[in-house]
Structure formats: C-alpha cells, structure tokens
Amino acid sequence: MKWTRARVALVAVAAASALAMLHVGLFQIGWLARLACPGFGSGCESVALAPFSRPYGIADGLLGAAVCGVLCALAIVRRPEAAAALIGVSAVWVILNVLSLAEMQKLGAFCFWCTLAAVLSVPLLALAMISGRELQGS
C-alpha cells in the first residue's frame, strides 16, 4: 500500500481529533476528575455535562473518538469502497461538528477539545477527498 502525504496527514488529523474527543469522553464517564480546558475556563466541563452531550445516554466524546477511529481505519484500507465510505463519514463528521458548535453557542459555553475537533473536521474532509482522488488515479 502506498502511503501518500494526504493519507498520512489524514490519519494524523483523525488521530488528533480522536484523542481530543477521548479526553472529553473519559471525563464524561467519570474516568477523569477534571477536564483541562485551555483558553475556555470551565467551558469544557459545562459543555461535557450539558444534556445535549449524551445522545441516547452515550457520552458524545466517546462517540466522537469512535468516529475518528473509524476514519483512521478507513484511511488504511486501499479500496474504492473504503475511499467512498471515508468521504461519506468525513462529511457526516463535519455536519455533526457544526451541530455541536451550534449547541455550544446556544449553551453560551465552548469546549476547547470539541472546537478543535470541529476545526480539524474540515481539513479531514478535504484530505479524505484528496485520498479518494489519488486512489482513482492509481
């Protein structure tokens, strides 16, 4: 399998997002006593404990980490179906992050880690599209 720069960057960005969301998720399930929140004060804890952060009773930080893990796994598979799934899941991840930012705005508090994952979701989608094109070209 050929590791292009776009594919390496995609895995790195997805892994960084996964770690950020895992940090939030571990706080949400009580494995961390405090949630580090650079630049946003207690915003991270406010967001992590908000009602919207537990869809179907599951910590959204853990769900986000799982989605990013799936993105890493799909980036490793070199097949057209995986490339299409990678682009689709990346697009859904962008939409979910935009909705999360809207919920944080309604709450009046922002989480550094969630905002970081949201910001990284845009280049992640772009890298998924580039990787998909590279796969078609080979």
N, C-alpha and C. Protein backbone atom coordinates (compact mmCIF):
# COMPACT_ATOMS: atom_id res chain seq x y z
N MET A 1 0.84 -1.18 0.00
CA MET A 1 0.00 0.00 0.00
C MET A 1 0.89 1.24 0.00
N LYS A 2 0.54 2.17 -0.84
CA LYS A 2 1.31 3.40 -0.95
C LYS A 2 0.75 4.45 0.02
N TRP A 3 1.63 4.94 0.89
CA TRP A 3 1.24 5.97 1.84
C TRP A 3 1.59 7.33 1.26
N THR A 4 0.58 8.04 0.78
CA THR A 4 0.79 9.38 0.25
C THR A 4 0.79 10.37 1.40
N ARG A 5 1.24 11.57 1.11
CA ARG A 5 1.23 12.62 2.14
C ARG A 5 -0.18 12.91 2.64
N ALA A 6 -1.13 12.91 1.71
CA ALA A 6 -2.52 13.19 2.10
C ALA A 6 -3.04 12.11 3.04
N ARG A 7 -2.71 10.86 2.76
CA ARG A 7 -3.18 9.76 3.60
C ARG A 7 -2.54 9.81 4.99
N VAL A 8 -1.25 10.11 5.04
CA VAL A 8 -0.55 10.23 6.33
C VAL A 8 -1.15 11.39 7.13
N ALA A 9 -1.37 12.52 6.46
CA ALA A 9 -1.96 13.69 7.13
C ALA A 9 -3.37 13.38 7.61
N LEU A 10 -4.13 12.65 6.80
CA LEU A 10 -5.49 12.29 7.17
C LEU A 10 -5.51 11.46 8.45
N VAL A 11 -4.64 10.45 8.52
CA VAL A 11 -4.57 9.61 9.72
C VAL A 11 -4.13 10.45 10.93
N ALA A 12 -3.17 11.35 10.73
CA ALA A 12 -2.68 12.19 11.83
C ALA A 12 -3.79 13.12 12.34
N VAL A 13 -4.53 13.73 11.44
CA VAL A 13 -5.61 14.65 11.84
C VAL A 13 -6.73 13.88 12.53
N ALA A 14 -7.09 12.72 11.97
CA ALA A 14 -8.14 11.91 12.59
C ALA A 14 -7.71 11.42 13.97
N ALA A 15 -6.44 11.04 14.11
CA ALA A 15 -5.94 10.58 15.41
C ALA A 15 -5.93 11.72 16.43
N ALA A 16 -5.55 12.92 16.00
CA ALA A 16 -5.57 14.08 16.90
C ALA A 16 -7.00 14.38 17.36
N SER A 17 -7.95 14.31 16.43
CA SER A 17 -9.35 14.52 16.79
C SER A 17 -9.85 13.43 17.74
N ALA A 18 -9.43 12.20 17.48
CA ALA A 18 -9.84 11.09 18.34
C ALA A 18 -9.33 11.28 19.76
N LEU A 19 -8.08 11.71 19.89
CA LEU A 19 -7.52 11.94 21.22
C LEU A 19 -8.24 13.06 21.95
N ALA A 20 -8.57 14.13 21.22
CA ALA A 20 -9.29 15.25 21.83
C ALA A 20 -10.66 14.80 22.33
N MET A 21 -11.36 14.05 21.50
CA MET A 21 -12.70 13.59 21.89
C MET A 21 -12.63 12.52 22.97
N LEU A 22 -11.59 11.70 22.95
CA LEU A 22 -11.42 10.69 24.00
C LEU A 22 -11.22 11.37 25.36
N HIS A 23 -10.47 12.46 25.36
CA HIS A 23 -10.25 13.22 26.60
C HIS A 23 -11.60 13.68 27.18
N VAL A 24 -12.45 14.21 26.32
CA VAL A 24 -13.78 14.66 26.76
C VAL A 24 -14.62 13.46 27.21
N GLY A 25 -14.57 12.39 26.43
CA GLY A 25 -15.37 11.21 26.76
C GLY A 25 -14.98 10.58 28.09
N LEU A 26 -13.69 10.54 28.37
CA LEU A 26 -13.24 9.96 29.65
C LEU A 26 -13.72 10.80 30.83
N PHE A 27 -13.80 12.11 30.64
CA PHE A 27 -14.37 12.96 31.70
C PHE A 27 -15.87 12.68 31.84
N GLN A 28 -16.55 12.53 30.72
CA GLN A 28 -17.99 12.33 30.76
C GLN A 28 -18.39 11.04 31.48
N ILE A 29 -17.56 10.01 31.39
CA ILE A 29 -17.91 8.75 32.05
C ILE A 29 -17.29 8.64 33.44
N GLY A 30 -16.61 9.70 33.88
CA GLY A 30 -16.10 9.74 35.23
C GLY A 30 -14.70 9.17 35.43
N TRP A 31 -14.00 8.88 34.37
CA TRP A 31 -12.63 8.35 34.50
C TRP A 31 -11.62 9.46 34.74
N LEU A 32 -11.98 10.70 34.44
CA LEU A 32 -11.15 11.86 34.75
C LEU A 32 -11.94 12.76 35.69
N ALA A 33 -11.27 13.24 36.73
CA ALA A 33 -11.95 14.10 37.71
C ALA A 33 -12.18 15.50 37.16
N ARG A 34 -11.24 15.99 36.37
CA ARG A 34 -11.34 17.35 35.79
C ARG A 34 -11.02 17.27 34.32
N LEU A 35 -11.54 18.24 33.60
CA LEU A 35 -11.32 18.32 32.16
C LEU A 35 -10.48 19.56 31.87
N ALA A 36 -9.27 19.37 31.39
CA ALA A 36 -8.42 20.51 31.04
C ALA A 36 -9.10 21.29 29.93
N CYS A 37 -9.11 22.60 30.05
CA CYS A 37 -9.80 23.43 29.07
C CYS A 37 -8.99 24.68 28.78
N PRO A 38 -7.93 24.56 27.97
CA PRO A 38 -7.10 25.73 27.69
C PRO A 38 -7.88 26.83 26.97
N GLY A 39 -7.88 28.01 27.55
CA GLY A 39 -8.47 29.17 26.91
C GLY A 39 -9.96 29.36 27.10
N PHE A 40 -10.68 28.35 27.59
CA PHE A 40 -12.12 28.47 27.71
C PHE A 40 -12.61 28.35 29.16
N GLY A 41 -11.70 28.36 30.11
CA GLY A 41 -12.09 28.29 31.52
C GLY A 41 -12.81 27.00 31.85
N SER A 42 -14.01 27.12 32.39
CA SER A 42 -14.79 25.92 32.74
C SER A 42 -15.76 25.54 31.63
N GLY A 43 -15.57 26.11 30.45
CA GLY A 43 -16.46 25.83 29.33
C GLY A 43 -16.50 24.37 28.93
N CYS A 44 -15.34 23.71 28.99
CA CYS A 44 -15.28 22.30 28.59
C CYS A 44 -16.16 21.44 29.48
N GLU A 45 -16.07 21.67 30.79
CA GLU A 45 -16.88 20.87 31.71
C GLU A 45 -18.36 21.20 31.55
N SER A 46 -18.68 22.47 31.32
CA SER A 46 -20.08 22.86 31.12
C SER A 46 -20.66 22.16 29.90
N VAL A 47 -19.90 22.15 28.82
CA VAL A 47 -20.36 21.50 27.59
C VAL A 47 -20.44 19.99 27.78
N ALA A 48 -19.41 19.40 28.39
CA ALA A 48 -19.39 17.95 28.57
C ALA A 48 -20.52 17.45 29.46
N LEU A 49 -20.99 18.29 30.37
CA LEU A 49 -22.06 17.88 31.28
C LEU A 49 -23.44 18.34 30.81
N ALA A 50 -23.51 19.06 29.70
CA ALA A 50 -24.78 19.55 29.17
C ALA A 50 -25.64 18.38 28.68
N PRO A 51 -26.96 18.55 28.72
CA PRO A 51 -27.85 17.45 28.29
C PRO A 51 -27.62 17.01 26.84
N PHE A 52 -27.27 17.93 25.96
CA PHE A 52 -27.09 17.56 24.56
C PHE A 52 -25.83 16.73 24.32
N SER A 53 -24.96 16.62 25.32
CA SER A 53 -23.70 15.90 25.13
C SER A 53 -23.83 14.40 25.41
N ARG A 54 -25.04 13.93 25.61
CA ARG A 54 -25.26 12.49 25.84
C ARG A 54 -26.41 12.00 24.97
N PRO A 55 -26.20 11.94 23.66
CA PRO A 55 -27.27 11.41 22.80
C PRO A 55 -27.50 9.93 23.12
N TYR A 56 -28.75 9.57 23.32
CA TYR A 56 -29.14 8.19 23.66
C TYR A 56 -28.41 7.68 24.90
N GLY A 57 -28.01 8.59 25.79
CA GLY A 57 -27.35 8.21 27.03
C GLY A 57 -25.89 7.84 26.91
N ILE A 58 -25.32 8.02 25.73
CA ILE A 58 -23.91 7.68 25.49
C ILE A 58 -23.10 8.96 25.43
N ALA A 59 -21.95 8.97 26.08
CA ALA A 59 -21.08 10.15 26.09
C ALA A 59 -20.66 10.49 24.66
N ASP A 60 -20.96 11.71 24.21
CA ASP A 60 -20.63 12.07 22.83
C ASP A 60 -19.13 12.15 22.58
N GLY A 61 -18.34 12.36 23.62
CA GLY A 61 -16.89 12.35 23.46
C GLY A 61 -16.40 10.98 23.02
N LEU A 62 -16.98 9.94 23.60
CA LEU A 62 -16.61 8.58 23.20
C LEU A 62 -17.12 8.26 21.81
N LEU A 63 -18.32 8.74 21.48
CA LEU A 63 -18.83 8.54 20.12
C LEU A 63 -17.94 9.23 19.09
N GLY A 64 -17.51 10.45 19.41
CA GLY A 64 -16.62 11.18 18.51
C GLY A 64 -15.29 10.48 18.34
N ALA A 65 -14.74 9.96 19.44
CA ALA A 65 -13.48 9.22 19.35
C ALA A 65 -13.65 7.98 18.49
N ALA A 66 -14.80 7.32 18.61
CA ALA A 66 -15.06 6.13 17.79
C ALA A 66 -15.17 6.49 16.31
N VAL A 67 -15.85 7.58 16.00
CA VAL A 67 -15.96 8.02 14.60
C VAL A 67 -14.57 8.30 14.03
N CYS A 68 -13.75 8.99 14.80
CA CYS A 68 -12.39 9.30 14.33
C CYS A 68 -11.56 8.02 14.18
N GLY A 69 -11.78 7.04 15.05
CA GLY A 69 -11.11 5.76 14.91
C GLY A 69 -11.53 5.04 13.64
N VAL A 70 -12.81 5.11 13.31
CA VAL A 70 -13.30 4.53 12.06
C VAL A 70 -12.66 5.24 10.87
N LEU A 71 -12.51 6.56 10.96
CA LEU A 71 -11.86 7.31 9.88
C LEU A 71 -10.41 6.85 9.70
N CYS A 72 -9.70 6.64 10.80
CA CYS A 72 -8.32 6.13 10.72
C CYS A 72 -8.30 4.76 10.04
N ALA A 73 -9.22 3.89 10.44
CA ALA A 73 -9.26 2.55 9.86
C ALA A 73 -9.59 2.59 8.37
N LEU A 74 -10.55 3.42 7.99
CA LEU A 74 -10.91 3.53 6.57
C LEU A 74 -9.76 4.10 5.74
N ALA A 75 -8.97 4.97 6.34
CA ALA A 75 -7.84 5.56 5.62
C ALA A 75 -6.77 4.52 5.30
N ILE A 76 -6.71 3.47 6.09
CA ILE A 76 -5.71 2.44 5.88
C ILE A 76 -6.10 1.51 4.73
N VAL A 77 -7.40 1.31 4.54
CA VAL A 77 -7.89 0.39 3.51
C VAL A 77 -7.77 1.06 2.14
N ARG A 78 -7.16 0.37 1.22
CA ARG A 78 -6.93 0.95 -0.12
C ARG A 78 -7.89 0.30 -1.12
N ARG A 79 -9.15 0.67 -1.03
CA ARG A 79 -10.17 0.18 -1.96
C ARG A 79 -11.11 1.33 -2.27
N PRO A 80 -11.71 1.32 -3.46
CA PRO A 80 -12.64 2.40 -3.81
C PRO A 80 -13.83 2.51 -2.84
N GLU A 81 -14.32 1.36 -2.37
CA GLU A 81 -15.45 1.39 -1.43
C GLU A 81 -15.05 2.07 -0.12
N ALA A 82 -13.85 1.79 0.34
CA ALA A 82 -13.37 2.41 1.58
C ALA A 82 -13.17 3.90 1.38
N ALA A 83 -12.68 4.29 0.20
CA ALA A 83 -12.49 5.72 -0.08
C ALA A 83 -13.83 6.45 -0.08
N ALA A 84 -14.85 5.83 -0.68
CA ALA A 84 -16.18 6.44 -0.69
C ALA A 84 -16.74 6.53 0.73
N ALA A 85 -16.57 5.47 1.51
CA ALA A 85 -17.03 5.49 2.90
C ALA A 85 -16.28 6.54 3.71
N LEU A 86 -14.99 6.67 3.45
CA LEU A 86 -14.17 7.66 4.15
C LEU A 86 -14.68 9.08 3.89
N ILE A 87 -14.99 9.36 2.65
CA ILE A 87 -15.52 10.69 2.30
C ILE A 87 -16.89 10.89 2.94
N GLY A 88 -17.74 9.88 2.89
CA GLY A 88 -19.07 9.98 3.48
C GLY A 88 -19.04 10.18 4.99
N VAL A 89 -18.23 9.38 5.67
CA VAL A 89 -18.13 9.50 7.13
C VAL A 89 -17.51 10.85 7.50
N SER A 90 -16.53 11.30 6.72
CA SER A 90 -15.91 12.61 6.98
C SER A 90 -16.92 13.73 6.83
N ALA A 91 -17.77 13.64 5.81
CA ALA A 91 -18.79 14.67 5.60
C ALA A 91 -19.80 14.68 6.75
N VAL A 92 -20.20 13.50 7.20
CA VAL A 92 -21.11 13.40 8.35
C VAL A 92 -20.44 13.98 9.59
N TRP A 93 -19.15 13.73 9.76
CA TRP A 93 -18.40 14.24 10.91
C TRP A 93 -18.39 15.77 10.91
N VAL A 94 -18.23 16.37 9.73
CA VAL A 94 -18.27 17.84 9.63
C VAL A 94 -19.65 18.34 10.07
N ILE A 95 -20.70 17.71 9.57
CA ILE A 95 -22.07 18.14 9.90
C ILE A 95 -22.32 18.00 11.40
N LEU A 96 -21.91 16.88 11.98
CA LEU A 96 -22.10 16.69 13.43
C LEU A 96 -21.35 17.73 14.24
N ASN A 97 -20.17 18.10 13.78
CA ASN A 97 -19.39 19.11 14.50
C ASN A 97 -20.01 20.49 14.37
N VAL A 98 -20.59 20.81 13.22
CA VAL A 98 -21.28 22.09 13.07
C VAL A 98 -22.48 22.14 14.01
N LEU A 99 -23.23 21.04 14.08
CA LEU A 99 -24.36 20.98 15.01
C LEU A 99 -23.90 21.12 16.46
N SER A 100 -22.77 20.51 16.78
CA SER A 100 -22.21 20.62 18.13
C SER A 100 -21.83 22.06 18.45
N LEU A 101 -21.22 22.75 17.49
CA LEU A 101 -20.87 24.15 17.70
C LEU A 101 -22.12 25.01 17.91
N ALA A 102 -23.18 24.70 17.16
CA ALA A 102 -24.44 25.44 17.33
C ALA A 102 -25.02 25.21 18.73
N GLU A 103 -24.95 23.97 19.22
CA GLU A 103 -25.44 23.67 20.57
C GLU A 103 -24.60 24.39 21.63
N MET A 104 -23.29 24.44 21.41
CA MET A 104 -22.43 25.14 22.36
C MET A 104 -22.75 26.63 22.38
N GLN A 105 -23.04 27.18 21.20
CA GLN A 105 -23.39 28.60 21.13
C GLN A 105 -24.69 28.86 21.89
N LYS A 106 -25.67 27.97 21.75
CA LYS A 106 -26.92 28.12 22.50
C LYS A 106 -26.68 28.04 24.00
N LEU A 107 -25.77 27.16 24.40
CA LEU A 107 -25.45 26.99 25.81
C LEU A 107 -24.70 28.20 26.36
N GLY A 108 -23.94 28.86 25.48
CA GLY A 108 -23.15 30.01 25.91
C GLY A 108 -21.79 29.63 26.46
N ALA A 109 -21.37 28.40 26.21
CA ALA A 109 -20.06 27.92 26.66
C ALA A 109 -19.45 27.08 25.54
N PHE A 110 -18.14 27.14 25.43
CA PHE A 110 -17.45 26.38 24.39
C PHE A 110 -16.40 25.48 25.00
N CYS A 111 -16.20 24.35 24.37
CA CYS A 111 -15.21 23.37 24.80
C CYS A 111 -14.04 23.42 23.83
N PHE A 112 -12.83 23.61 24.35
CA PHE A 112 -11.64 23.68 23.51
C PHE A 112 -11.50 22.41 22.67
N TRP A 113 -11.67 21.26 23.29
CA TRP A 113 -11.43 19.98 22.60
C TRP A 113 -12.47 19.73 21.53
N CYS A 114 -13.72 20.07 21.81
CA CYS A 114 -14.79 19.90 20.83
C CYS A 114 -14.61 20.87 19.67
N THR A 115 -14.21 22.09 19.99
CA THR A 115 -13.96 23.09 18.95
C THR A 115 -12.76 22.68 18.10
N LEU A 116 -11.73 22.14 18.74
CA LEU A 116 -10.57 21.64 17.99
C LEU A 116 -10.98 20.54 17.02
N ALA A 117 -11.78 19.59 17.49
CA ALA A 117 -12.24 18.51 16.62
C ALA A 117 -13.09 19.07 15.47
N ALA A 118 -13.91 20.08 15.76
CA ALA A 118 -14.74 20.69 14.72
C ALA A 118 -13.88 21.39 13.67
N VAL A 119 -12.87 22.12 14.12
CA VAL A 119 -11.98 22.81 13.19
C VAL A 119 -11.21 21.80 12.34
N LEU A 120 -10.74 20.73 12.97
CA LEU A 120 -9.97 19.71 12.25
C LEU A 120 -10.84 18.88 11.30
N SER A 121 -12.16 18.89 11.50
CA SER A 121 -13.02 18.09 10.63
C SER A 121 -13.04 18.60 9.19
N VAL A 122 -12.82 19.90 9.01
CA VAL A 122 -12.83 20.46 7.65
C VAL A 122 -11.62 19.99 6.84
N PRO A 123 -10.37 20.14 7.35
CA PRO A 123 -9.25 19.60 6.59
C PRO A 123 -9.30 18.07 6.49
N LEU A 124 -9.93 17.42 7.46
CA LEU A 124 -10.06 15.97 7.40
C LEU A 124 -10.91 15.57 6.19
N LEU A 125 -12.00 16.29 5.96
CA LEU A 125 -12.84 16.02 4.78
C LEU A 125 -12.06 16.29 3.50
N ALA A 126 -11.33 17.40 3.47
CA ALA A 126 -10.53 17.73 2.28
C ALA A 126 -9.48 16.64 2.02
N LEU A 127 -8.82 16.18 3.06
CA LEU A 127 -7.81 15.13 2.90
C LEU A 127 -8.45 13.81 2.47
N ALA A 128 -9.65 13.53 2.94
CA ALA A 128 -10.36 12.32 2.51
C ALA A 128 -10.68 12.40 1.02
N MET A 129 -11.08 13.57 0.56
CA MET A 129 -11.37 13.75 -0.87
C MET A 129 -10.11 13.62 -1.71
N ILE A 130 -9.01 14.19 -1.23
CA ILE A 130 -7.74 14.08 -1.95
C ILE A 130 -7.29 12.62 -2.00
N SER A 131 -7.41 11.91 -0.89
CA SER A 131 -7.03 10.50 -0.86
C SER A 131 -7.89 9.68 -1.81
N GLY A 132 -9.17 9.99 -1.87
CA GLY A 132 -10.06 9.30 -2.80
C GLY A 132 -9.67 9.53 -4.24
N ARG A 133 -9.29 10.74 -4.56
CA ARG A 133 -8.84 11.04 -5.94
C ARG A 133 -7.54 10.33 -6.26
N GLU A 134 -6.63 10.30 -5.29
CA GLU A 134 -5.35 9.62 -5.52
C GLU A 134 -5.58 8.14 -5.77
N LEU A 135 -6.55 7.56 -5.08
CA LEU A 135 -6.85 6.14 -5.27
C LEU A 135 -7.41 5.90 -6.67
N GLN A 136 -8.26 6.81 -7.15
CA GLN A 136 -8.80 6.68 -8.50
C GLN A 136 -7.71 6.81 -9.55
N GLY A 137 -6.75 7.68 -9.29
CA GLY A 137 -5.67 7.93 -10.25
C GLY A 137 -4.67 6.80 -10.35
N SER A 138 -4.60 5.94 -9.32
CA SER A 138 -3.59 4.87 -9.36
C SER A 138 -4.10 3.62 -10.01
